[in-house]
C-alpha atoms as a PDB file:
ATOM      1  CA  UNK A   1      19.658 -10.212 -13.135  1.00  0.00           C
ATOM      2  CA  UNK A   2      17.382  -8.279 -11.487  1.00  0.00           C
ATOM      3  CA  UNK A   3      13.787  -7.337 -10.801  1.00  0.00           C
ATOM      4  CA  UNK A   4      14.456  -4.213 -13.567  1.00  0.00           C
ATOM      5  CA  UNK A   5      15.413  -7.109 -16.516  1.00  0.00           C
ATOM      6  CA  UNK A   6      11.393  -7.982 -16.790  1.00  0.00           C
ATOM      7  CA  UNK A   7       8.583  -6.723 -18.306  1.00  0.00           C
ATOM      8  CA  UNK A   8       4.792  -6.557 -17.978  1.00  0.00           C
ATOM      9  CA  UNK A   9       2.357  -7.041 -20.674  1.00  0.00           C
ATOM     10  CA  UNK A  10      -0.638  -4.712 -20.284  1.00  0.00           C
ATOM     11  CA  UNK A  11      -3.725  -6.523 -21.154  1.00  0.00           C
ATOM     12  CA  UNK A  12      -4.523  -4.763 -24.668  1.00  0.00           C
ATOM     13  CA  UNK A  13      -1.135  -5.853 -25.377  1.00  0.00           C
ATOM     14  CA  UNK A  14       1.679  -3.240 -24.781  1.00  0.00           C
ATOM     15  CA  UNK A  15       4.948  -4.407 -22.859  1.00  0.00           C
ATOM     16  CA  UNK A  16       5.958  -2.536 -20.292  1.00  0.00           C
ATOM     17  CA  UNK A  17       9.571  -2.552 -19.104  1.00  0.00           C
ATOM     18  CA  UNK A  18       9.881  -2.289 -15.292  1.00  0.00           C
ATOM     19  CA  UNK A  19      13.496   0.202 -16.111  1.00  0.00           C
ATOM     20  CA  UNK A  20      10.174   2.697 -16.108  1.00  0.00           C
ATOM     21  CA  UNK A  21       9.702   1.307 -12.036  1.00  0.00           C
ATOM     22  CA  UNK A  22      13.567   1.983 -11.638  1.00  0.00           C
ATOM     23  CA  UNK A  23      13.322   4.220  -8.284  1.00  0.00           C
ATOM     24  CA  UNK A  24      10.460   3.029  -6.698  1.00  0.00           C
ATOM     25  CA  UNK A  25       9.151   0.113  -3.983  1.00  0.00           C
ATOM     26  CA  UNK A  26       7.301  -2.310  -5.973  1.00  0.00           C
ATOM     27  CA  UNK A  27       4.343  -4.149  -4.211  1.00  0.00           C
ATOM     28  CA  UNK A  28       3.953  -6.957  -6.547  1.00  0.00           C
ATOM     29  CA  UNK A  29       0.690  -9.486  -6.112  1.00  0.00           C
ATOM     30  CA  UNK A  30      -1.445 -12.423  -8.206  1.00  0.00           C
ATOM     31  CA  UNK A  31      -4.507 -11.370  -7.547  1.00  0.00           C
ATOM     32  CA  UNK A  32      -8.320 -13.099  -8.818  1.00  0.00           C
ATOM     33  CA  UNK A  33     -11.686 -11.318  -9.681  1.00  0.00           C
ATOM     34  CA  UNK A  34     -13.310 -14.164  -8.140  1.00  0.00           C
ATOM     35  CA  UNK A  35     -11.653 -15.218  -5.048  1.00  0.00           C
ATOM     36  CA  UNK A  36     -12.828 -14.842  -0.974  1.00  0.00           C
ATOM     37  CA  UNK A  37      -9.795 -12.323  -0.991  1.00  0.00           C
ATOM     38  CA  UNK A  38     -10.810 -10.403  -3.436  1.00  0.00           C
ATOM     39  CA  UNK A  39     -11.577  -7.358  -1.287  1.00  0.00           C
ATOM     40  CA  UNK A  40      -7.799  -7.424  -1.089  1.00  0.00           C
ATOM     41  CA  UNK A  41      -8.012  -5.296  -4.582  1.00  0.00           C
ATOM     42  CA  UNK A  42      -9.830  -2.302  -2.193  1.00  0.00           C
ATOM     43  CA  UNK A  43      -6.537  -2.920  -0.146  1.00  0.00           C
ATOM     44  CA  UNK A  44      -3.928  -2.675  -2.192  1.00  0.00           C
ATOM     45  CA  UNK A  45      -5.706   0.551  -3.448  1.00  0.00           C
ATOM     46  CA  UNK A  46      -5.571   2.151  -0.637  1.00  0.00           C
ATOM     47  CA  UNK A  47      -1.799   1.536   0.209  1.00  0.00           C
ATOM     48  CA  UNK A  48      -1.346   2.905  -3.740  1.00  0.00           C
ATOM     49  CA  UNK A  49      -3.131   6.133  -2.582  1.00  0.00           C
ATOM     50  CA  UNK A  50      -1.331   6.282   0.604  1.00  0.00           C
ATOM     51  CA  UNK A  51       1.925   5.724  -0.397  1.00  0.00           C
ATOM     52  CA  UNK A  52       2.263   6.626  -4.130  1.00  0.00           C
ATOM     53  CA  UNK A  53       3.363  10.202  -3.649  1.00  0.00           C
ATOM     54  CA  UNK A  54       6.475   8.689  -2.135  1.00  0.00           C
ATOM     55  CA  UNK A  55       7.179   6.553  -4.527  1.00  0.00           C
ATOM     56  CA  UNK A  56       5.114   3.115  -3.929  1.00  0.00           C
ATOM     57  CA  UNK A  57       3.817   1.609  -6.794  1.00  0.00           C
ATOM     58  CA  UNK A  58       1.300  -1.479  -6.820  1.00  0.00           C
ATOM     59  CA  UNK A  59       1.444  -4.110  -9.976  1.00  0.00           C
ATOM     60  CA  UNK A  60      -1.683  -6.084  -9.961  1.00  0.00           C
ATOM     61  CA  UNK A  61      -1.237  -9.783 -12.371  1.00  0.00           C
ATOM     62  CA  UNK A  62      -4.668 -11.438 -12.809  1.00  0.00           C
ATOM     63  CA  UNK A  63      -3.795 -15.544 -12.377  1.00  0.00           C
ATOM     64  CA  UNK A  64      -6.177 -18.597 -13.290  1.00  0.00           C
ATOM     65  CA  UNK A  65      -5.047 -20.757 -11.711  1.00  0.00           C
ATOM     66  CA  UNK A  66      -5.969 -21.445  -8.485  1.00  0.00           C
ATOM     67  CA  UNK A  67      -9.397 -22.720  -8.684  1.00  0.00           C
ATOM     68  CA  UNK A  68     -10.729 -20.798 -12.026  1.00  0.00           C
ATOM     69  CA  UNK A  69     -10.870 -17.574  -9.847  1.00  0.00           C
ATOM     70  CA  UNK A  70     -10.087 -15.366 -13.200  1.00  0.00           C
ATOM     71  CA  UNK A  71     -11.687 -17.403 -15.660  1.00  0.00           C
ATOM     72  CA  UNK A  72     -12.588 -14.366 -17.483  1.00  0.00           C
ATOM     73  CA  UNK A  73      -9.739 -12.591 -20.226  1.00  0.00           C
ATOM     74  CA  UNK A  74      -7.119  -9.917 -19.255  1.00  0.00           C
ATOM     75  CA  UNK A  75      -9.501  -6.816 -20.335  1.00  0.00           C
ATOM     76  CA  UNK A  76     -12.355  -8.649 -18.214  1.00  0.00           C
ATOM     77  CA  UNK A  77      -9.876  -8.794 -14.911  1.00  0.00           C
ATOM     78  CA  UNK A  78      -8.535  -4.868 -15.216  1.00  0.00           C
ATOM     79  CA  UNK A  79     -11.900  -3.700 -15.787  1.00  0.00           C
ATOM     80  CA  UNK A  80     -13.607  -5.803 -12.839  1.00  0.00           C
ATOM     81  CA  UNK A  81     -10.346  -4.317 -10.823  1.00  0.00           C
ATOM     82  CA  UNK A  82     -11.532  -0.361 -11.992  1.00  0.00           C
ATOM     83  CA  UNK A  83     -15.205  -0.770 -11.725  1.00  0.00           C
ATOM     84  CA  UNK A  84     -15.500  -2.624  -7.774  1.00  0.00           C
ATOM     85  CA  UNK A  85     -12.723  -1.712  -6.188  1.00  0.00           C
ATOM     86  CA  UNK A  86     -11.525   1.991  -7.878  1.00  0.00           C
ATOM     87  CA  UNK A  87      -8.105   0.349  -9.219  1.00  0.00           C
ATOM     88  CA  UNK A  88      -5.563   2.805 -10.428  1.00  0.00           C
ATOM     89  CA  UNK A  89      -2.750   1.027  -9.831  1.00  0.00           C
ATOM     90  CA  UNK A  90      -1.103  -0.868 -13.154  1.00  0.00           C
ATOM     91  CA  UNK A  91      -3.075  -4.042 -13.957  1.00  0.00           C
ATOM     92  CA  UNK A  92      -1.395  -6.421 -16.010  1.00  0.00           C
ATOM     93  CA  UNK A  93      -2.794  -9.292 -18.119  1.00  0.00           C
ATOM     94  CA  UNK A  94      -3.008 -12.673 -16.727  1.00  0.00           C
ATOM     95  CA  UNK A  95      -0.291 -15.127 -15.842  1.00  0.00           C
ATOM     96  CA  UNK A  96       0.737 -18.562 -14.623  1.00  0.00           C
ATOM     97  CA  UNK A  97       3.196 -17.892 -11.087  1.00  0.00           C
ATOM     98  CA  UNK A  98       3.374 -21.748 -11.492  1.00  0.00           C
ATOM     99  CA  UNK A  99       4.488 -24.586 -13.565  1.00  0.00           C
ATOM    100  CA  UNK A 100       5.696 -24.868 -16.730  1.00  0.00           C
ATOM    101  CA  UNK A 101       4.390 -21.590 -17.807  1.00  0.00           C
ATOM    102  CA  UNK A 102       5.049 -19.651 -15.066  1.00  0.00           C
ATOM    103  CA  UNK A 103       6.029 -16.029 -15.900  1.00  0.00           C
ATOM    104  CA  UNK A 104       9.736 -15.140 -15.566  1.00  0.00           C
ATOM    105  CA  UNK A 105       8.578 -12.338 -13.559  1.00  0.00           C
ATOM    106  CA  UNK A 106       6.949 -15.170 -10.508  1.00  0.00           C
ATOM    107  CA  UNK A 107       9.560 -17.494 -10.735  1.00  0.00           C
ATOM    108  CA  UNK A 108      12.528 -15.002 -10.359  1.00  0.00           C
ATOM    109  CA  UNK A 109      10.160 -13.731  -7.825  1.00  0.00           C
ATOM    110  CA  UNK A 110       9.838 -17.105  -6.297  1.00  0.00           C
ATOM    111  CA  UNK A 111      13.352 -17.391  -6.437  1.00  0.00           C
ATOM    112  CA  UNK A 112      14.529 -14.507  -4.122  1.00  0.00           C
ATOM    113  CA  UNK A 113      11.753 -14.849  -2.129  1.00  0.00           C
ATOM    114  CA  UNK A 114      11.104 -18.436  -1.748  1.00  0.00           C
ATOM    115  CA  UNK A 115       8.949 -18.348   1.237  1.00  0.00           C
ATOM    116  CA  UNK A 116       8.816 -20.800   4.589  1.00  0.00           C
ATOM    117  CA  UNK A 117       7.107 -24.022   2.927  1.00  0.00           C
ATOM    118  CA  UNK A 118       9.237 -26.986   1.569  1.00  0.00           C
ATOM    119  CA  UNK A 119       8.203 -25.942  -1.808  1.00  0.00           C
ATOM    120  CA  UNK A 120       8.326 -21.970  -2.989  1.00  0.00           C
ATOM    121  CA  UNK A 121       5.860 -21.617  -5.276  1.00  0.00           C
ATOM    122  CA  UNK A 122       2.703 -19.796  -4.970  1.00  0.00           C
ATOM    123  CA  UNK A 123      -0.040 -21.225  -2.721  1.00  0.00           C
ATOM    124  CA  UNK A 124      -2.795 -19.042  -3.774  1.00  0.00           C
ATOM    125  CA  UNK A 125      -4.181 -15.868  -4.999  1.00  0.00           C
ATOM    126  CA  UNK A 126      -3.064 -12.576  -3.618  1.00  0.00           C
ATOM    127  CA  UNK A 127       0.490 -13.395  -2.325  1.00  0.00           C
ATOM    128  CA  UNK A 128       2.087 -10.163  -2.274  1.00  0.00           C
ATOM    129  CA  UNK A 129       6.197  -9.602  -3.560  1.00  0.00           C
ATOM    130  CA  UNK A 130       7.744  -6.259  -2.021  1.00  0.00           C
ATOM    131  CA  UNK A 131      10.553  -5.037  -3.785  1.00  0.00           C
ATOM    132  CA  UNK A 132      12.757  -2.548  -2.394  1.00  0.00           C
ATOM    133  CA  UNK A 133      13.824   0.678  -4.848  1.00  0.00           C
ATOM    134  CA  UNK A 134      16.710  -0.336  -5.911  1.00  0.00           C
ATOM    135  CA  UNK A 135      15.126  -3.866  -7.174  1.00  0.00           C
ATOM    136  CA  UNK A 136      16.146  -6.454  -4.337  1.00  0.00           C
ATOM    137  CA  UNK A 137      13.520  -8.377  -3.983  1.00  0.00           C
ATOM    138  CA  UNK A 138      13.235  -7.951   0.436  1.00  0.00           C
ATOM    139  CA  UNK A 139       9.710  -9.707   1.371  1.00  0.00           C
ATOM    140  CA  UNK A 140       6.950 -12.158   0.638  1.00  0.00           C
ATOM    141  CA  UNK A 141       3.799 -11.771   2.099  1.00  0.00           C
ATOM    142  CA  UNK A 142       1.294 -14.656   1.585  1.00  0.00           C
ATOM    143  CA  UNK A 143      -2.165 -14.733   0.645  1.00  0.00           C
ATOM    144  CA  UNK A 144      -3.866 -14.189   3.953  1.00  0.00           C
ATOM    145  CA  UNK A 145      -1.959 -11.281   5.508  1.00  0.00           C
ATOM    146  CA  UNK A 146      -3.896  -8.170   4.778  1.00  0.00           C
ATOM    147  CA  UNK A 147      -1.699  -5.766   2.917  1.00  0.00           C
ATOM    148  CA  UNK A 148      -2.377  -3.296   5.736  1.00  0.00           C
ATOM    149  CA  UNK A 149       0.213  -5.654   7.847  1.00  0.00           C
ATOM    150  CA  UNK A 150       2.976  -4.501   4.797  1.00  0.00           C
ATOM    151  CA  UNK A 151       2.579  -1.030   6.171  1.00  0.00           C
ATOM    152  CA  UNK A 152       5.776  -0.789   8.626  1.00  0.00           C
ATOM    153  CA  UNK A 153       7.414  -2.656   5.846  1.00  0.00           C
ATOM    154  CA  UNK A 154       6.799  -0.373   3.153  1.00  0.00           C
ATOM    155  CA  UNK A 155       7.491   2.879   5.224  1.00  0.00           C
ATOM    156  CA  UNK A 156      10.775   1.007   6.184  1.00  0.00           C
ATOM    157  CA  UNK A 157      11.679   1.347   2.748  1.00  0.00           C
ATOM    158  CA  UNK A 158      10.362   4.481   1.115  1.00  0.00           C
END
C-alpha cells in the first residue's frame, strides 16, 4: 500500500485518484474554517504559491470532529477557503480523521507517522503530513506548528 492507493472526493463529488500526484511532494492537512488555527489556510496557500512550480501540492481535508469547527457543507468549506484566504490548492470533501468512520487516507497517514503521543490519533485541526515524491509519508507536523516552519523540510524534498 502507498499514498497512491488512495483517492479524495471533491466537494462536488468527483473522485480524484492520488496517482494524479505521483512525482509531487504533498502536504496533506485536516482543516476547519471556525478554528483558532484557521489562518493557517493563508500560510498553506503561501507555501503552495512559493513551491508549487517546483512540485509541491497542498491538499486540504475539512473535518468537523474537533469542537464542531467545520459545521457547514463541504462546498461551504471550500468556498470559505477561497473567499477568505485565496486558497487555490485542492480542498476535498469533509472527512473524519479519527474513530470508526475515519478516512482510510488518514488512517494510513497516521500509521506511517503516528506522532509522539500515546495514540496516533489526530489531536486537532491542522495536523499536517508531508509526503515525498515517491509517496513516502516522511513527517507529521502538529496543529500549532506553523506551516512556515516546514519550509526546510519541504525544500529538502523538492
